Amino acid sequence: MISSSVKTSALLAILVTLLAGCSSTEMEKQHHLSMVAENRASLLASELPIEAGPLSILRATANQTTIEIMMVYNQEAKGAKPIDQVLKTSIRAYCDNPETKKNLDVGLSYRIKMRNSRGQLMADELITSQRCSQQSQ
């Protein structure tokens, strides 16, 4: 007859193996998402700078599974809208665009950092699939 300590040890070994397998799969997923973020940021960066009126997109980089986008907004420019309005419109555009929405749905996120023409950070917003879902309600 098998002793209870042997049964407990065997059960513990099985649980450790299962947990290690799960964490390995999660690590592979995170690594894959990091590579996708890096690729997407490189594609965006190759098209920069982009200027649209008082808004300039100057930099796109990847930080793990987040694509970070640095913008400069000249609030003093003629026809410039309030920065809050520009930010809300930008977030809505990321949530509504089919390509970025697909990236958000697989686990990537976007971080918009907006500076004024003096270089001061005016906004630092993280856009995730969850945030888009909350926004559409």
C-alpha atoms as a PDB file:
ATOM      1  CA  MET A   1       0.000   0.000   0.000  1.00  0.00           C
ATOM      2  CA  ILE A   2       1.293   3.499  -0.896  1.00  0.00           C
ATOM      3  CA  SER A   3       1.836   5.800   2.057  1.00  0.00           C
ATOM      4  CA  SER A   4       0.001   9.114   2.248  1.00  0.00           C
ATOM      5  CA  SER A   5       3.289  11.064   2.124  1.00  0.00           C
ATOM      6  CA  VAL A   6       4.172   9.405  -1.207  1.00  0.00           C
ATOM      7  CA  LYS A   7       0.692  10.232  -2.558  1.00  0.00           C
ATOM      8  CA  THR A   8       1.067  13.828  -1.368  1.00  0.00           C
ATOM      9  CA  SER A   9       4.518  14.116  -2.964  1.00  0.00           C
ATOM     10  CA  ALA A  10       3.250  12.700  -6.256  1.00  0.00           C
ATOM     11  CA  LEU A  11       0.262  15.063  -6.262  1.00  0.00           C
ATOM     12  CA  LEU A  12       2.530  18.012  -5.489  1.00  0.00           C
ATOM     13  CA  ALA A  13       4.879  17.045  -8.342  1.00  0.00           C
ATOM     14  CA  ILE A  14       1.950  16.883 -10.775  1.00  0.00           C
ATOM     15  CA  LEU A  15       0.671  20.305  -9.669  1.00  0.00           C
ATOM     16  CA  VAL A  16       4.116  21.879 -10.017  1.00  0.00           C
ATOM     17  CA  THR A  17       4.453  20.429 -13.527  1.00  0.00           C
ATOM     18  CA  LEU A  18       1.035  21.751 -14.547  1.00  0.00           C
ATOM     19  CA  LEU A  19       1.755  25.200 -13.169  1.00  0.00           C
ATOM     20  CA  ALA A  20       5.151  25.332 -14.863  1.00  0.00           C
ATOM     21  CA  GLY A  21       3.517  24.416 -18.161  1.00  0.00           C
ATOM     22  CA  CYS A  22       0.932  27.180 -17.768  1.00  0.00           C
ATOM     23  CA  SER A  23       3.509  29.825 -16.893  1.00  0.00           C
ATOM     24  CA  SER A  24       5.690  28.725 -19.816  1.00  0.00           C
ATOM     25  CA  THR A  25       2.763  29.176 -22.200  1.00  0.00           C
ATOM     26  CA  GLU A  26       2.009  32.604 -20.717  1.00  0.00           C
ATOM     27  CA  MET A  27       5.672  33.597 -21.079  1.00  0.00           C
ATOM     28  CA  GLU A  28       5.611  32.529 -24.733  1.00  0.00           C
ATOM     29  CA  LYS A  29       2.457  34.584 -25.319  1.00  0.00           C
ATOM     30  CA  GLN A  30       4.021  37.656 -23.679  1.00  0.00           C
ATOM     31  CA  HIS A  31       7.188  37.212 -25.741  1.00  0.00           C
ATOM     32  CA  HIS A  32       5.123  36.948 -28.934  1.00  0.00           C
ATOM     33  CA  LEU A  33       3.113  40.063 -28.028  1.00  0.00           C
ATOM     34  CA  SER A  34       6.346  41.937 -27.260  1.00  0.00           C
ATOM     35  CA  MET A  35       7.665  41.044 -30.701  1.00  0.00           C
ATOM     36  CA  VAL A  36       4.410  42.190 -32.343  1.00  0.00           C
ATOM     37  CA  ALA A  37       4.573  45.491 -30.405  1.00  0.00           C
ATOM     38  CA  GLU A  38       8.196  46.002 -31.449  1.00  0.00           C
ATOM     39  CA  ASN A  39       7.325  45.332 -35.085  1.00  0.00           C
ATOM     40  CA  ARG A  40       4.318  47.658 -35.021  1.00  0.00           C
ATOM     41  CA  ALA A  41       6.301  50.437 -33.329  1.00  0.00           C
ATOM     42  CA  SER A  42       9.059  50.078 -35.950  1.00  0.00           C
ATOM     43  CA  LEU A  43       6.508  50.357 -38.769  1.00  0.00           C
ATOM     44  CA  LEU A  44       5.024  53.486 -37.203  1.00  0.00           C
ATOM     45  CA  ALA A  45       8.457  54.991 -36.535  1.00  0.00           C
ATOM     46  CA  SER A  46       9.451  54.550 -40.183  1.00  0.00           C
ATOM     47  CA  GLU A  47       6.626  56.932 -41.176  1.00  0.00           C
ATOM     48  CA  LEU A  48       7.494  59.666 -38.679  1.00  0.00           C
ATOM     49  CA  PRO A  49       7.322  62.549 -38.188  1.00  0.00           C
ATOM     50  CA  ILE A  50       3.669  63.008 -39.058  1.00  0.00           C
ATOM     51  CA  GLU A  51       2.197  66.474 -38.806  1.00  0.00           C
ATOM     52  CA  ALA A  52      -1.498  67.311 -38.829  1.00  0.00           C
ATOM     53  CA  GLY A  53      -2.057  70.969 -38.092  1.00  0.00           C
ATOM     54  CA  PRO A  54      -0.927  71.713 -34.532  1.00  0.00           C
ATOM     55  CA  LEU A  55      -0.288  67.997 -33.771  1.00  0.00           C
ATOM     56  CA  SER A  56       3.025  66.301 -34.522  1.00  0.00           C
ATOM     57  CA  ILE A  57       3.707  62.623 -33.909  1.00  0.00           C
ATOM     58  CA  LEU A  58       7.420  62.383 -33.319  1.00  0.00           C
ATOM     59  CA  ARG A  59       8.251  58.970 -31.890  1.00  0.00           C
ATOM     60  CA  ALA A  60       6.915  55.428 -31.657  1.00  0.00           C
ATOM     61  CA  THR A  61       8.611  52.811 -29.490  1.00  0.00           C
ATOM     62  CA  ALA A  62       7.709  49.509 -27.871  1.00  0.00           C
ATOM     63  CA  ASN A  63       7.911  48.783 -24.166  1.00  0.00           C
ATOM     64  CA  GLN A  64       7.070  45.115 -23.661  1.00  0.00           C
ATOM     65  CA  THR A  65       3.495  44.774 -25.001  1.00  0.00           C
ATOM     66  CA  THR A  66       2.811  48.511 -25.150  1.00  0.00           C
ATOM     67  CA  ILE A  67       3.313  50.722 -28.191  1.00  0.00           C
ATOM     68  CA  GLU A  68       4.268  54.179 -26.917  1.00  0.00           C
ATOM     69  CA  ILE A  69       3.562  57.175 -29.114  1.00  0.00           C
ATOM     70  CA  MET A  70       5.053  60.593 -28.350  1.00  0.00           C
ATOM     71  CA  MET A  71       3.174  63.604 -29.709  1.00  0.00           C
ATOM     72  CA  VAL A  72       3.674  67.344 -29.492  1.00  0.00           C
ATOM     73  CA  TYR A  73       0.592  69.544 -29.550  1.00  0.00           C
ATOM     74  CA  ASN A  74       0.932  73.273 -30.155  1.00  0.00           C
ATOM     75  CA  GLN A  75      -2.027  74.703 -28.250  1.00  0.00           C
ATOM     76  CA  GLU A  76      -1.133  78.234 -29.371  1.00  0.00           C
ATOM     77  CA  ALA A  77      -1.507  77.415 -33.067  1.00  0.00           C
ATOM     78  CA  LYS A  78      -4.391  78.952 -34.960  1.00  0.00           C
ATOM     79  CA  GLY A  79      -7.421  76.642 -34.859  1.00  0.00           C
ATOM     80  CA  ALA A  80      -5.974  74.448 -32.079  1.00  0.00           C
ATOM     81  CA  LYS A  81      -8.602  72.701 -30.002  1.00  0.00           C
ATOM     82  CA  PRO A  82      -8.339  72.140 -26.219  1.00  0.00           C
ATOM     83  CA  ILE A  83      -5.903  69.328 -25.437  1.00  0.00           C
ATOM     84  CA  ASP A  84      -8.588  67.311 -23.613  1.00  0.00           C
ATOM     85  CA  GLN A  85     -10.716  67.281 -26.750  1.00  0.00           C
ATOM     86  CA  VAL A  86      -7.744  66.221 -28.909  1.00  0.00           C
ATOM     87  CA  LEU A  87      -6.916  63.442 -26.464  1.00  0.00           C
ATOM     88  CA  LYS A  88     -10.502  62.106 -26.368  1.00  0.00           C
ATOM     89  CA  THR A  89     -10.648  62.152 -30.162  1.00  0.00           C
ATOM     90  CA  SER A  90      -7.306  60.316 -30.352  1.00  0.00           C
ATOM     91  CA  ILE A  91      -8.415  57.623 -27.900  1.00  0.00           C
ATOM     92  CA  ARG A  92     -11.683  57.138 -29.788  1.00  0.00           C
ATOM     93  CA  ALA A  93      -9.727  56.818 -33.047  1.00  0.00           C
ATOM     94  CA  TYR A  94      -7.516  54.060 -31.566  1.00  0.00           C
ATOM     95  CA  CYS A  95     -10.578  52.220 -30.252  1.00  0.00           C
ATOM     96  CA  ASP A  96     -12.503  52.524 -33.536  1.00  0.00           C
ATOM     97  CA  ASN A  97      -9.733  51.817 -36.058  1.00  0.00           C
ATOM     98  CA  PRO A  98     -10.000  48.141 -37.146  1.00  0.00           C
ATOM     99  CA  GLU A  99      -6.213  47.616 -37.248  1.00  0.00           C
ATOM    100  CA  THR A 100      -5.469  49.066 -33.807  1.00  0.00           C
ATOM    101  CA  LYS A 101      -8.603  47.454 -32.346  1.00  0.00           C
ATOM    102  CA  LYS A 102      -7.341  44.061 -33.525  1.00  0.00           C
ATOM    103  CA  ASN A 103      -4.003  44.747 -31.791  1.00  0.00           C
ATOM    104  CA  LEU A 104      -5.806  45.784 -28.606  1.00  0.00           C
ATOM    105  CA  ASP A 105      -7.991  42.676 -28.672  1.00  0.00           C
ATOM    106  CA  VAL A 106      -4.975  40.325 -28.774  1.00  0.00           C
ATOM    107  CA  GLY A 107      -3.420  42.003 -25.732  1.00  0.00           C
ATOM    108  CA  LEU A 108      -1.352  44.923 -26.990  1.00  0.00           C
ATOM    109  CA  SER A 109      -1.857  48.391 -25.568  1.00  0.00           C
ATOM    110  CA  TYR A 110      -1.058  51.893 -26.760  1.00  0.00           C
ATOM    111  CA  ARG A 111       0.301  54.688 -24.586  1.00  0.00           C
ATOM    112  CA  ILE A 112      -0.184  58.221 -25.848  1.00  0.00           C
ATOM    113  CA  LYS A 113       2.181  60.784 -24.386  1.00  0.00           C
ATOM    114  CA  MET A 114       1.354  64.321 -25.426  1.00  0.00           C
ATOM    115  CA  ARG A 115       3.652  67.249 -24.759  1.00  0.00           C
ATOM    116  CA  ASN A 116       3.076  70.946 -25.332  1.00  0.00           C
ATOM    117  CA  SER A 117       5.364  73.025 -27.542  1.00  0.00           C
ATOM    118  CA  ARG A 118       7.551  73.756 -24.484  1.00  0.00           C
ATOM    119  CA  GLY A 119       8.156  70.051 -23.906  1.00  0.00           C
ATOM    120  CA  GLN A 120       5.978  69.721 -20.804  1.00  0.00           C
ATOM    121  CA  LEU A 121       4.086  66.439 -20.510  1.00  0.00           C
ATOM    122  CA  MET A 122       0.389  67.299 -20.778  1.00  0.00           C
ATOM    123  CA  ALA A 123      -1.115  63.802 -21.077  1.00  0.00           C
ATOM    124  CA  ASP A 124      -0.046  60.209 -20.551  1.00  0.00           C
ATOM    125  CA  GLU A 125      -2.904  57.881 -21.431  1.00  0.00           C
ATOM    126  CA  LEU A 126      -2.914  54.087 -21.681  1.00  0.00           C
ATOM    127  CA  ILE A 127      -5.347  52.647 -24.223  1.00  0.00           C
ATOM    128  CA  THR A 128      -6.348  49.019 -23.710  1.00  0.00           C
ATOM    129  CA  SER A 129      -9.112  46.797 -25.027  1.00  0.00           C
ATOM    130  CA  GLN A 130     -10.817  47.108 -21.639  1.00  0.00           C
ATOM    131  CA  ARG A 131     -10.698  50.909 -21.780  1.00  0.00           C
ATOM    132  CA  CYS A 132     -12.236  50.885 -25.266  1.00  0.00           C
ATOM    133  CA  SER A 133     -15.021  48.600 -24.033  1.00  0.00           C
ATOM    134  CA  GLN A 134     -15.757  50.960 -21.129  1.00  0.00           C
ATOM    135  CA  GLN A 135     -15.698  53.970 -23.436  1.00  0.00           C
ATOM    136  CA  SER A 136     -18.256  52.470 -25.825  1.00  0.00           C
ATOM    137  CA  GLN A 137     -20.799  51.879 -23.038  1.00  0.00           C
END
